[in-house]
Amino acid sequence: MPQIKAPRLYLNRCGVFYFRLKTKEKDRKVSFRTKCPVTANIVALQLNAVIERGRAMNIGISVC
């Protein structure tokens, strides 16, 4: 079964996955501290769901 490709998921040159969130002021990157693509994809899809739900409700979600 093919995986769903998660938006905002990036791989650095060392093989570690990051979640990237662009805002007006900054470009925030949060490390998942994993090199496993399956784990990173699952976590990124969950974070995307929370962010998009917040945008739909006009609530500002900040990623620290």
N, C-alpha and C. Protein backbone atom coordinates (compact mmCIF):
# COMPACT_ATOMS: atom_id res chain seq x y z
N MET A 1 0.84 -1.18 0.00
CA MET A 1 0.00 0.00 0.00
C MET A 1 0.89 1.24 0.00
N PRO A 2 0.68 2.16 -0.94
CA PRO A 2 1.53 3.36 -1.00
C PRO A 2 1.22 4.32 0.15
N GLN A 3 2.26 5.02 0.59
CA GLN A 3 2.09 5.98 1.67
C GLN A 3 1.58 7.30 1.13
N ILE A 4 0.87 8.03 1.98
CA ILE A 4 0.46 9.38 1.67
C ILE A 4 1.64 10.29 1.96
N LYS A 5 2.02 11.10 0.99
CA LYS A 5 3.15 12.01 1.19
C LYS A 5 2.68 13.21 2.01
N ALA A 6 3.34 13.44 3.11
CA ALA A 6 2.96 14.52 4.02
C ALA A 6 3.57 15.84 3.57
N PRO A 7 2.74 16.89 3.48
CA PRO A 7 3.32 18.21 3.22
C PRO A 7 4.10 18.70 4.43
N ARG A 8 5.00 19.60 4.20
CA ARG A 8 5.82 20.22 5.25
C ARG A 8 6.84 19.26 5.87
N LEU A 9 7.06 18.12 5.28
CA LEU A 9 8.02 17.15 5.79
C LEU A 9 9.29 17.25 4.95
N TYR A 10 10.41 17.48 5.61
CA TYR A 10 11.68 17.65 4.92
C TYR A 10 12.74 16.74 5.51
N LEU A 11 13.67 16.36 4.67
CA LEU A 11 14.78 15.50 5.06
C LEU A 11 16.07 16.30 4.92
N ASN A 12 16.85 16.37 6.00
CA ASN A 12 18.11 17.11 5.89
C ASN A 12 19.19 16.20 5.30
N ARG A 13 20.36 16.74 5.09
CA ARG A 13 21.42 15.99 4.41
C ARG A 13 21.96 14.83 5.23
N CYS A 14 21.69 14.82 6.53
CA CYS A 14 22.14 13.72 7.39
C CYS A 14 21.10 12.62 7.52
N GLY A 15 19.92 12.84 6.94
CA GLY A 15 18.88 11.82 6.96
C GLY A 15 17.85 12.00 8.06
N VAL A 16 17.89 13.12 8.78
CA VAL A 16 16.94 13.39 9.86
C VAL A 16 15.75 14.16 9.29
N PHE A 17 14.54 13.77 9.70
CA PHE A 17 13.33 14.41 9.20
C PHE A 17 12.96 15.62 10.03
N TYR A 18 12.47 16.66 9.34
CA TYR A 18 12.05 17.91 9.96
C TYR A 18 10.65 18.27 9.51
N PHE A 19 9.94 18.98 10.36
CA PHE A 19 8.65 19.56 10.02
C PHE A 19 8.89 21.04 9.81
N ARG A 20 8.49 21.57 8.66
CA ARG A 20 8.76 22.96 8.32
C ARG A 20 7.45 23.73 8.22
N LEU A 21 7.38 24.82 8.98
CA LEU A 21 6.18 25.65 8.99
C LEU A 21 6.58 27.07 8.62
N LYS A 22 6.04 27.56 7.52
CA LYS A 22 6.33 28.92 7.07
C LYS A 22 5.29 29.87 7.66
N THR A 23 5.78 30.94 8.27
CA THR A 23 4.90 32.00 8.75
C THR A 23 5.35 33.30 8.10
N LYS A 24 4.63 34.36 8.38
CA LYS A 24 4.99 35.65 7.78
C LYS A 24 6.35 36.12 8.28
N GLU A 25 6.63 35.89 9.55
CA GLU A 25 7.87 36.38 10.13
C GLU A 25 9.04 35.42 9.96
N LYS A 26 8.78 34.13 10.16
CA LYS A 26 9.87 33.17 10.22
C LYS A 26 9.56 31.91 9.44
N ASP A 27 10.60 31.15 9.25
CA ASP A 27 10.50 29.81 8.69
C ASP A 27 10.92 28.87 9.81
N ARG A 28 9.97 28.21 10.44
CA ARG A 28 10.28 27.37 11.60
C ARG A 28 10.50 25.93 11.17
N LYS A 29 11.51 25.31 11.75
CA LYS A 29 11.80 23.91 11.50
C LYS A 29 11.89 23.19 12.83
N VAL A 30 11.17 22.09 12.93
CA VAL A 30 11.18 21.29 14.15
C VAL A 30 11.66 19.89 13.79
N SER A 31 12.69 19.44 14.48
CA SER A 31 13.24 18.12 14.21
C SER A 31 12.36 17.04 14.83
N PHE A 32 12.13 15.98 14.07
CA PHE A 32 11.43 14.81 14.61
C PHE A 32 12.40 13.87 15.31
N ARG A 33 13.69 14.12 15.15
CA ARG A 33 14.76 13.31 15.75
C ARG A 33 14.64 11.84 15.36
N THR A 34 14.27 11.62 14.11
CA THR A 34 14.18 10.25 13.62
C THR A 34 14.65 10.20 12.18
N LYS A 35 15.16 9.06 11.81
CA LYS A 35 15.55 8.82 10.43
C LYS A 35 14.58 7.84 9.76
N CYS A 36 13.58 7.42 10.50
CA CYS A 36 12.59 6.47 9.99
C CYS A 36 11.52 7.23 9.19
N PRO A 37 11.39 6.96 7.90
CA PRO A 37 10.42 7.69 7.09
C PRO A 37 8.97 7.41 7.46
N VAL A 38 8.68 6.21 7.92
CA VAL A 38 7.30 5.86 8.29
C VAL A 38 6.88 6.65 9.53
N THR A 39 7.72 6.68 10.54
CA THR A 39 7.42 7.42 11.77
C THR A 39 7.29 8.91 11.48
N ALA A 40 8.21 9.45 10.71
CA ALA A 40 8.17 10.88 10.39
C ALA A 40 6.92 11.23 9.60
N ASN A 41 6.52 10.38 8.69
CA ASN A 41 5.33 10.63 7.88
C ASN A 41 4.07 10.63 8.74
N ILE A 42 3.96 9.70 9.67
CA ILE A 42 2.79 9.62 10.55
C ILE A 42 2.69 10.87 11.42
N VAL A 43 3.80 11.27 12.03
CA VAL A 43 3.80 12.45 12.90
C VAL A 43 3.51 13.71 12.09
N ALA A 44 4.08 13.82 10.89
CA ALA A 44 3.84 15.00 10.05
C ALA A 44 2.38 15.09 9.63
N LEU A 45 1.77 13.97 9.29
CA LEU A 45 0.35 13.98 8.92
C LEU A 45 -0.52 14.41 10.10
N GLN A 46 -0.18 13.97 11.30
CA GLN A 46 -0.94 14.37 12.48
C GLN A 46 -0.78 15.86 12.76
N LEU A 47 0.43 16.38 12.65
CA LEU A 47 0.66 17.82 12.86
C LEU A 47 -0.05 18.65 11.80
N ASN A 48 -0.03 18.20 10.56
CA ASN A 48 -0.73 18.90 9.49
C ASN A 48 -2.23 18.96 9.76
N ALA A 49 -2.79 17.88 10.27
CA ALA A 49 -4.22 17.86 10.59
C ALA A 49 -4.55 18.89 11.67
N VAL A 50 -3.72 18.98 12.69
CA VAL A 50 -3.94 19.95 13.77
C VAL A 50 -3.82 21.38 13.24
N ILE A 51 -2.82 21.64 12.43
CA ILE A 51 -2.62 22.99 11.89
C ILE A 51 -3.77 23.39 10.97
N GLU A 52 -4.17 22.50 10.08
CA GLU A 52 -5.26 22.82 9.16
C GLU A 52 -6.59 22.97 9.89
N ARG A 53 -6.81 22.19 10.92
CA ARG A 53 -8.03 22.33 11.73
C ARG A 53 -8.03 23.68 12.42
N GLY A 54 -6.88 24.11 12.93
CA GLY A 54 -6.76 25.41 13.57
C GLY A 54 -6.98 26.55 12.59
N ARG A 55 -6.47 26.41 11.39
CA ARG A 55 -6.69 27.44 10.37
C ARG A 55 -8.16 27.53 9.98
N ALA A 56 -8.82 26.39 9.91
CA ALA A 56 -10.24 26.39 9.56
C ALA A 56 -11.07 27.07 10.63
N MET A 57 -10.61 26.98 11.87
CA MET A 57 -11.34 27.60 12.99
C MET A 57 -10.80 28.99 13.30
N ASN A 58 -9.85 29.48 12.49
CA ASN A 58 -9.23 30.79 12.66
C ASN A 58 -8.53 30.93 14.01
N ILE A 59 -7.86 29.88 14.41
CA ILE A 59 -7.09 29.89 15.66
C ILE A 59 -5.62 29.82 15.28
N GLY A 60 -4.83 30.68 15.87
CA GLY A 60 -3.39 30.66 15.60
C GLY A 60 -2.74 29.51 16.34
N ILE A 61 -2.08 28.63 15.63
CA ILE A 61 -1.36 27.51 16.23
C ILE A 61 0.12 27.82 16.12
N SER A 62 0.82 27.78 17.24
CA SER A 62 2.25 28.03 17.20
C SER A 62 2.99 26.74 17.46
N VAL A 63 4.05 26.54 16.70
CA VAL A 63 4.90 25.37 16.87
C VAL A 63 6.18 25.84 17.53
N CYS A 64 6.46 25.35 18.72
CA CYS A 64 7.64 25.79 19.46
C CYS A 64 8.81 24.88 19.19
